[in-house]
Structure formats: structure tokens, C-alpha cells
Amino acid sequence: MKLEMREPSLRTSRLAIAASLVAAIVIATAGFLAGRASSPETPPQVVVNPLPTAPASPVPEQPRILARADLIALVGRAADALASQVQLPADISGLIGRRFELAVPFGCDGPSPEDANRPLSWRYDGEERTLRIRVSPSTWTLSDWGIAEQSTMVAEGFWITRPWSSAESCTLSSGEAALPHAGPVTSPVQT
């Protein structure tokens, strides 16, 4: 047997080249997919552009609560400025119109009898398990203040026993926080 050598035709050459290219593309795609599946997953990098931030608005400072001793010191400084005929210091004039709380100890001598008619008193009702506190305005005459009846001077306020004491609680011998002989005010419409 004799083998003959045949010349390839143009068509078979082109088919062989096309088949080789298709095989190369299939092998490359399979390798790409296999490599992609076996590689560790990394999260995508997210680029965050910082937003311009507005400057923080300052929080207004809360005014300090004035205690009884603070008020007494301020009154002393204001009285000194008035007596010296100078203008009030700025820190005092800035407090004009500001609200404050003043602790007024009363009832320090114990509970009042049930029939007591004091302007400031307290008692505990054991049957009803109730604390009863009585606070009523007092009537003052001009003579209580040492003011002549024909004077045009007016004083507004309420009575505080030991007004220059900085104590905000009962002391040993405290007494009442009202005029000793003051009676409660009754409205003309009350019966």
C-alpha cells in the first residue's frame, strides 16, 4: 500500500483554522470562568465623597439656678451700687426680669393644730393619710413696716423670716415665716 499525499484544499484549510480558533476561544472562556469562580470574593471599593458639614450651632448655655445665698449676695451688691450712686454692674442688671425660685422654710416647729389659722402651716391627717399644707397671703398695715399712714411709699413682696439667712431648710429654733400677729386674708366675696 502506498500512501498518497494529498494536498489540502482551500476549504479544508479554512475549516481547520476556524476550528482551531473556536477551540481556543472555548478553552479561554472555560479558563476565565473557572478562575473567576475559584478566586476569593472582594467587596467592591466604594468611594465616599465627604459631604460638606455645616458648623455645629452653639448650644446656648443654660443660666445657673440662683440659690438663696446667691440672691442675698446680689442684693448686697445692688444695694451698694444704689448707695454709692453708681450704675448697677452688668451681671446684676442682666438678671432684671429673670425668674427664680426661693425656698422659704415654714412649719419647722411641727404640725399645726387642726383649728390653727396661721398663714403658713401644715398638718398630717392620719385618717385620710393626707398632708395638708396651708399657704395664704397676709394683710400688713403700714405701721408693720414703720411707715406713717400719710406716706406715699409702696412696698411689694411677701414676708420672709430671717431674709438675710442663706439657709434653705429649717434650723433648730426657726419660728414662723410670717408676721407673728398676721392673720389670713379673706376675700370680700368669701363667706
C-alpha atoms as a PDB file:
ATOM      1  CA  MET A   1       0.000   0.000   0.000  1.00  0.00           C
ATOM      2  CA  LYS A   2       1.192   3.116  -0.980  1.00  0.00           C
ATOM      3  CA  LEU A   3       0.186   6.266   0.801  1.00  0.00           C
ATOM      4  CA  GLU A   4      -0.510   9.148  -1.216  1.00  0.00           C
ATOM      5  CA  MET A   5      -0.092  12.559  -0.065  1.00  0.00           C
ATOM      6  CA  ARG A   6      -2.935  14.782  -0.792  1.00  0.00           C
ATOM      7  CA  GLU A   7      -2.745  18.466  -0.998  1.00  0.00           C
ATOM      8  CA  PRO A   8      -5.164  20.178   1.307  1.00  0.00           C
ATOM      9  CA  SER A   9      -7.837  22.119  -0.313  1.00  0.00           C
ATOM     10  CA  LEU A  10      -8.519  25.684   0.456  1.00  0.00           C
ATOM     11  CA  ARG A  11     -11.800  24.803   2.069  1.00  0.00           C
ATOM     12  CA  THR A  12     -10.361  22.221   4.495  1.00  0.00           C
ATOM     13  CA  SER A  13      -7.575  24.638   5.462  1.00  0.00           C
ATOM     14  CA  ARG A  14     -10.065  27.305   6.344  1.00  0.00           C
ATOM     15  CA  LEU A  15     -12.169  24.852   8.326  1.00  0.00           C
ATOM     16  CA  ALA A  16      -9.098  23.676  10.231  1.00  0.00           C
ATOM     17  CA  ILE A  17      -8.120  27.296  11.085  1.00  0.00           C
ATOM     18  CA  ALA A  18     -11.697  28.188  12.120  1.00  0.00           C
ATOM     19  CA  ALA A  19     -11.963  25.042  14.270  1.00  0.00           C
ATOM     20  CA  SER A  20      -8.653  25.893  15.944  1.00  0.00           C
ATOM     21  CA  LEU A  21      -9.857  29.444  16.708  1.00  0.00           C
ATOM     22  CA  VAL A  22     -13.194  28.206  18.098  1.00  0.00           C
ATOM     23  CA  ALA A  23     -11.354  25.640  20.257  1.00  0.00           C
ATOM     24  CA  ALA A  24      -9.003  28.372  21.555  1.00  0.00           C
ATOM     25  CA  ILE A  25     -11.941  30.679  22.379  1.00  0.00           C
ATOM     26  CA  VAL A  26     -13.820  27.850  24.151  1.00  0.00           C
ATOM     27  CA  ILE A  27     -10.725  26.910  26.196  1.00  0.00           C
ATOM     28  CA  ALA A  28     -10.044  30.582  27.093  1.00  0.00           C
ATOM     29  CA  THR A  29     -13.669  31.158  28.160  1.00  0.00           C
ATOM     30  CA  ALA A  30     -13.674  27.967  30.253  1.00  0.00           C
ATOM     31  CA  GLY A  31     -10.411  29.028  31.925  1.00  0.00           C
ATOM     32  CA  PHE A  32     -11.769  32.530  32.618  1.00  0.00           C
ATOM     33  CA  LEU A  33     -14.957  31.173  34.188  1.00  0.00           C
ATOM     34  CA  ALA A  34     -13.057  28.570  36.253  1.00  0.00           C
ATOM     35  CA  GLY A  35     -10.602  31.194  37.510  1.00  0.00           C
ATOM     36  CA  ARG A  36     -13.363  33.646  38.339  1.00  0.00           C
ATOM     37  CA  ALA A  37     -15.280  31.038  40.341  1.00  0.00           C
ATOM     38  CA  SER A  38     -12.220  29.989  42.357  1.00  0.00           C
ATOM     39  CA  SER A  39     -10.885  33.473  43.215  1.00  0.00           C
ATOM     40  CA  PRO A  40     -11.700  34.972  46.674  1.00  0.00           C
ATOM     41  CA  GLU A  41     -14.530  37.477  46.591  1.00  0.00           C
ATOM     42  CA  THR A  42     -13.529  41.050  47.440  1.00  0.00           C
ATOM     43  CA  PRO A  43     -16.149  43.665  48.092  1.00  0.00           C
ATOM     44  CA  PRO A  44     -16.200  46.468  45.605  1.00  0.00           C
ATOM     45  CA  GLN A  45     -14.420  49.616  46.688  1.00  0.00           C
ATOM     46  CA  VAL A  46     -16.954  52.312  47.469  1.00  0.00           C
ATOM     47  CA  VAL A  47     -15.652  55.812  47.185  1.00  0.00           C
ATOM     48  CA  VAL A  48     -17.420  58.072  49.620  1.00  0.00           C
ATOM     49  CA  ASN A  49     -17.257  61.733  48.913  1.00  0.00           C
ATOM     50  CA  PRO A  50     -17.497  63.579  52.229  1.00  0.00           C
ATOM     51  CA  LEU A  51     -20.417  65.959  52.333  1.00  0.00           C
ATOM     52  CA  PRO A  52     -19.671  69.453  53.447  1.00  0.00           C
ATOM     53  CA  THR A  53     -20.750  69.754  57.066  1.00  0.00           C
ATOM     54  CA  ALA A  54     -22.300  72.854  58.450  1.00  0.00           C
ATOM     55  CA  PRO A  55     -20.575  74.172  61.542  1.00  0.00           C
ATOM     56  CA  ALA A  56     -22.325  72.999  64.686  1.00  0.00           C
ATOM     57  CA  SER A  57     -24.580  75.678  66.049  1.00  0.00           C
ATOM     58  CA  PRO A  58     -23.538  76.603  69.556  1.00  0.00           C
ATOM     59  CA  VAL A  59     -25.832  75.282  72.258  1.00  0.00           C
ATOM     60  CA  PRO A  60     -26.971  78.191  74.395  1.00  0.00           C
ATOM     61  CA  GLU A  61     -25.643  77.907  77.898  1.00  0.00           C
ATOM     62  CA  GLN A  62     -28.382  77.364  80.440  1.00  0.00           C
ATOM     63  CA  PRO A  63     -28.341  80.018  83.136  1.00  0.00           C
ATOM     64  CA  ARG A  64     -27.265  78.755  86.517  1.00  0.00           C
ATOM     65  CA  ILE A  65     -30.082  78.472  89.034  1.00  0.00           C
ATOM     66  CA  LEU A  66     -29.603  81.078  91.706  1.00  0.00           C
ATOM     67  CA  ALA A  67     -29.801  79.826  95.275  1.00  0.00           C
ATOM     68  CA  ARG A  68     -30.889  81.896  98.249  1.00  0.00           C
ATOM     69  CA  ALA A  69     -27.266  82.766  99.118  1.00  0.00           C
ATOM     70  CA  ASP A  70     -26.687  83.980  95.529  1.00  0.00           C
ATOM     71  CA  LEU A  71     -29.731  86.252  95.716  1.00  0.00           C
ATOM     72  CA  ILE A  72     -28.576  87.685  99.038  1.00  0.00           C
ATOM     73  CA  ALA A  73     -25.128  88.437  97.589  1.00  0.00           C
ATOM     74  CA  LEU A  74     -26.682  90.089  94.519  1.00  0.00           C
ATOM     75  CA  VAL A  75     -28.991  92.207  96.687  1.00  0.00           C
ATOM     76  CA  GLY A  76     -25.993  93.337  98.735  1.00  0.00           C
ATOM     77  CA  ARG A  77     -24.078  94.370  95.622  1.00  0.00           C
ATOM     78  CA  ALA A  78     -27.126  96.135  94.181  1.00  0.00           C
ATOM     79  CA  ALA A  79     -27.694  97.996  97.467  1.00  0.00           C
ATOM     80  CA  ASP A  80     -24.037  99.043  97.481  1.00  0.00           C
ATOM     81  CA  ALA A  81     -24.331 100.377  93.917  1.00  0.00           C
ATOM     82  CA  LEU A  82     -27.505 102.277  94.833  1.00  0.00           C
ATOM     83  CA  ALA A  83     -25.937 103.736  97.986  1.00  0.00           C
ATOM     84  CA  SER A  84     -22.816 104.723  96.029  1.00  0.00           C
ATOM     85  CA  GLN A  85     -24.996 106.246  93.289  1.00  0.00           C
ATOM     86  CA  VAL A  86     -23.268 104.229  90.575  1.00  0.00           C
ATOM     87  CA  GLN A  87     -24.816 102.186  87.821  1.00  0.00           C
ATOM     88  CA  LEU A  88     -25.674  98.554  88.547  1.00  0.00           C
ATOM     89  CA  PRO A  89     -22.942  96.109  87.482  1.00  0.00           C
ATOM     90  CA  ALA A  90     -23.702  94.396  84.160  1.00  0.00           C
ATOM     91  CA  ASP A  91     -24.044  90.934  85.721  1.00  0.00           C
ATOM     92  CA  ILE A  92     -26.734  92.244  88.081  1.00  0.00           C
ATOM     93  CA  SER A  93     -28.635  94.338  85.539  1.00  0.00           C
ATOM     94  CA  GLY A  94     -28.652  91.292  83.236  1.00  0.00           C
ATOM     95  CA  LEU A  95     -30.751  89.468  85.841  1.00  0.00           C
ATOM     96  CA  ILE A  96     -33.576  92.015  85.790  1.00  0.00           C
ATOM     97  CA  GLY A  97     -36.816  90.251  84.926  1.00  0.00           C
ATOM     98  CA  ARG A  98     -35.325  86.782  85.349  1.00  0.00           C
ATOM     99  CA  ARG A  99     -37.454  84.281  87.262  1.00  0.00           C
ATOM    100  CA  PHE A 100     -36.110  82.481  90.293  1.00  0.00           C
ATOM    101  CA  GLU A 101     -37.238  80.106  92.982  1.00  0.00           C
ATOM    102  CA  LEU A 102     -36.817  80.908  96.639  1.00  0.00           C
ATOM    103  CA  ALA A 103     -37.006  78.197  99.278  1.00  0.00           C
ATOM    104  CA  VAL A 104     -38.987  79.539 102.245  1.00  0.00           C
ATOM    105  CA  PRO A 105     -38.876  77.101 105.150  1.00  0.00           C
ATOM    106  CA  PHE A 106     -42.070  77.092 107.206  1.00  0.00           C
ATOM    107  CA  GLY A 107     -43.778  74.785 109.635  1.00  0.00           C
ATOM    108  CA  CYS A 108     -40.412  73.965 111.185  1.00  0.00           C
ATOM    109  CA  ASP A 109     -41.911  73.832 114.688  1.00  0.00           C
ATOM    110  CA  GLY A 110     -44.031  70.867 113.715  1.00  0.00           C
ATOM    111  CA  PRO A 111     -47.613  70.355 112.633  1.00  0.00           C
ATOM    112  CA  SER A 112     -50.230  72.971 113.424  1.00  0.00           C
ATOM    113  CA  PRO A 113     -53.407  72.112 115.316  1.00  0.00           C
ATOM    114  CA  GLU A 114     -56.443  71.466 113.151  1.00  0.00           C
ATOM    115  CA  ASP A 115     -58.109  74.729 114.175  1.00  0.00           C
ATOM    116  CA  ALA A 116     -54.964  76.863 113.646  1.00  0.00           C
ATOM    117  CA  ASN A 117     -55.436  79.911 111.476  1.00  0.00           C
ATOM    118  CA  ARG A 118     -51.805  80.665 110.630  1.00  0.00           C
ATOM    119  CA  PRO A 119     -50.932  81.902 107.131  1.00  0.00           C
ATOM    120  CA  LEU A 120     -48.191  79.262 106.726  1.00  0.00           C
ATOM    121  CA  SER A 121     -48.775  75.895 108.372  1.00  0.00           C
ATOM    122  CA  TRP A 122     -49.004  72.167 107.809  1.00  0.00           C
ATOM    123  CA  ARG A 123     -50.562  69.139 109.434  1.00  0.00           C
ATOM    124  CA  TYR A 124     -50.894  65.447 108.643  1.00  0.00           C
ATOM    125  CA  ASP A 125     -54.386  63.977 108.551  1.00  0.00           C
ATOM    126  CA  GLY A 126     -53.829  60.380 109.665  1.00  0.00           C
ATOM    127  CA  GLU A 127     -57.373  59.211 108.914  1.00  0.00           C
ATOM    128  CA  GLU A 128     -57.209  60.349 105.289  1.00  0.00           C
ATOM    129  CA  ARG A 129     -53.448  59.779 105.050  1.00  0.00           C
ATOM    130  CA  THR A 130     -53.049  63.286 103.616  1.00  0.00           C
ATOM    131  CA  LEU A 131     -50.506  66.044 104.188  1.00  0.00           C
ATOM    132  CA  ARG A 132     -52.351  69.364 104.331  1.00  0.00           C
ATOM    133  CA  ILE A 133     -50.319  72.495 103.640  1.00  0.00           C
ATOM    134  CA  ARG A 134     -51.811  75.940 104.154  1.00  0.00           C
ATOM    135  CA  VAL A 135     -50.257  78.969 102.476  1.00  0.00           C
ATOM    136  CA  SER A 136     -52.330  82.136 102.415  1.00  0.00           C
ATOM    137  CA  PRO A 137     -51.469  85.801 101.877  1.00  0.00           C
ATOM    138  CA  SER A 138     -51.127  88.101 104.878  1.00  0.00           C
ATOM    139  CA  THR A 139     -52.503  91.580 105.469  1.00  0.00           C
ATOM    140  CA  TRP A 140     -49.909  94.140 106.511  1.00  0.00           C
ATOM    141  CA  THR A 141     -50.506  97.598 107.776  1.00  0.00           C
ATOM    142  CA  LEU A 142     -48.158 100.490 107.117  1.00  0.00           C
ATOM    143  CA  SER A 143     -47.291 100.532 110.819  1.00  0.00           C
ATOM    144  CA  ASP A 144     -45.942  96.960 110.468  1.00  0.00           C
ATOM    145  CA  TRP A 145     -43.252  98.492 108.276  1.00  0.00           C
ATOM    146  CA  GLY A 146     -42.713 101.612 110.362  1.00  0.00           C
ATOM    147  CA  ILE A 147     -44.245 103.807 107.677  1.00  0.00           C
ATOM    148  CA  ALA A 148     -46.512 106.723 108.520  1.00  0.00           C
ATOM    149  CA  GLU A 149     -50.041 106.485 107.150  1.00  0.00           C
ATOM    150  CA  GLN A 150     -49.693 109.634 105.014  1.00  0.00           C
ATOM    151  CA  SER A 151     -46.592 108.312 103.223  1.00  0.00           C
ATOM    152  CA  THR A 152     -46.822 107.514  99.511  1.00  0.00           C
ATOM    153  CA  MET A 153     -44.149 104.849  99.713  1.00  0.00           C
ATOM    154  CA  VAL A 154     -45.226 101.412  98.480  1.00  0.00           C
ATOM    155  CA  ALA A 155     -43.577  98.096  99.339  1.00  0.00           C
ATOM    156  CA  GLU A 156     -44.423  94.973  97.377  1.00  0.00           C
ATOM    157  CA  GLY A 157     -43.474  91.453  98.311  1.00  0.00           C
ATOM    158  CA  PHE A 158     -44.088  88.802 100.916  1.00  0.00           C
ATOM    159  CA  TRP A 159     -42.778  88.197 104.402  1.00  0.00           C
ATOM    160  CA  ILE A 160     -39.729  86.008 104.930  1.00  0.00           C
ATOM    161  CA  THR A 161     -38.450  85.326 108.426  1.00  0.00           C
ATOM    162  CA  ARG A 162     -34.683  85.940 108.592  1.00  0.00           C
ATOM    163  CA  PRO A 163     -34.461  87.211 104.992  1.00  0.00           C
ATOM    164  CA  TRP A 164     -30.659  87.529 105.120  1.00  0.00           C
ATOM    165  CA  SER A 165     -30.148  83.894 106.127  1.00  0.00           C
ATOM    166  CA  SER A 166     -28.797  81.717 103.329  1.00  0.00           C
ATOM    167  CA  ALA A 167     -30.298  78.571 104.914  1.00  0.00           C
ATOM    168  CA  GLU A 168     -32.884  76.898 102.696  1.00  0.00           C
ATOM    169  CA  SER A 169     -34.116  74.482 105.353  1.00  0.00           C
ATOM    170  CA  CYS A 170     -35.335  74.604 108.938  1.00  0.00           C
ATOM    171  CA  THR A 171     -32.887  75.457 111.713  1.00  0.00           C
ATOM    172  CA  LEU A 172     -33.190  74.489 115.377  1.00  0.00           C
ATOM    173  CA  SER A 173     -35.220  77.473 116.580  1.00  0.00           C
ATOM    174  CA  SER A 174     -36.658  78.661 113.342  1.00  0.00           C
ATOM    175  CA  GLY A 175     -40.008  80.220 114.197  1.00  0.00           C
ATOM    176  CA  GLU A 176     -42.604  81.065 111.575  1.00  0.00           C
ATOM    177  CA  ALA A 177     -42.081  82.511 108.126  1.00  0.00           C
ATOM    178  CA  ALA A 178     -44.859  85.052 108.645  1.00  0.00           C
ATOM    179  CA  LEU A 179     -45.533  88.066 110.834  1.00  0.00           C
ATOM    180  CA  PRO A 180     -46.307  86.811 114.331  1.00  0.00           C
ATOM    181  CA  HIS A 181     -49.640  88.654 114.577  1.00  0.00           C
ATOM    182  CA  ALA A 182     -50.644  88.413 110.908  1.00  0.00           C
ATOM    183  CA  GLY A 183     -53.954  86.854 110.103  1.00  0.00           C
ATOM    184  CA  PRO A 184     -55.010  85.274 106.846  1.00  0.00           C
ATOM    185  CA  VAL A 185     -56.590  87.431 104.184  1.00  0.00           C
ATOM    186  CA  THR A 186     -60.172  86.636 103.366  1.00  0.00           C
ATOM    187  CA  SER A 187     -61.584  87.843 100.125  1.00  0.00           C
ATOM    188  CA  PRO A 188     -64.667  90.071 100.369  1.00  0.00           C
ATOM    189  CA  VAL A 189     -66.539  87.571  98.202  1.00  0.00           C
ATOM    190  CA  GLN A 190     -65.735  84.658 100.525  1.00  0.00           C
ATOM    191  CA  THR A 191     -68.199  83.729 103.231  1.00  0.00           C
END
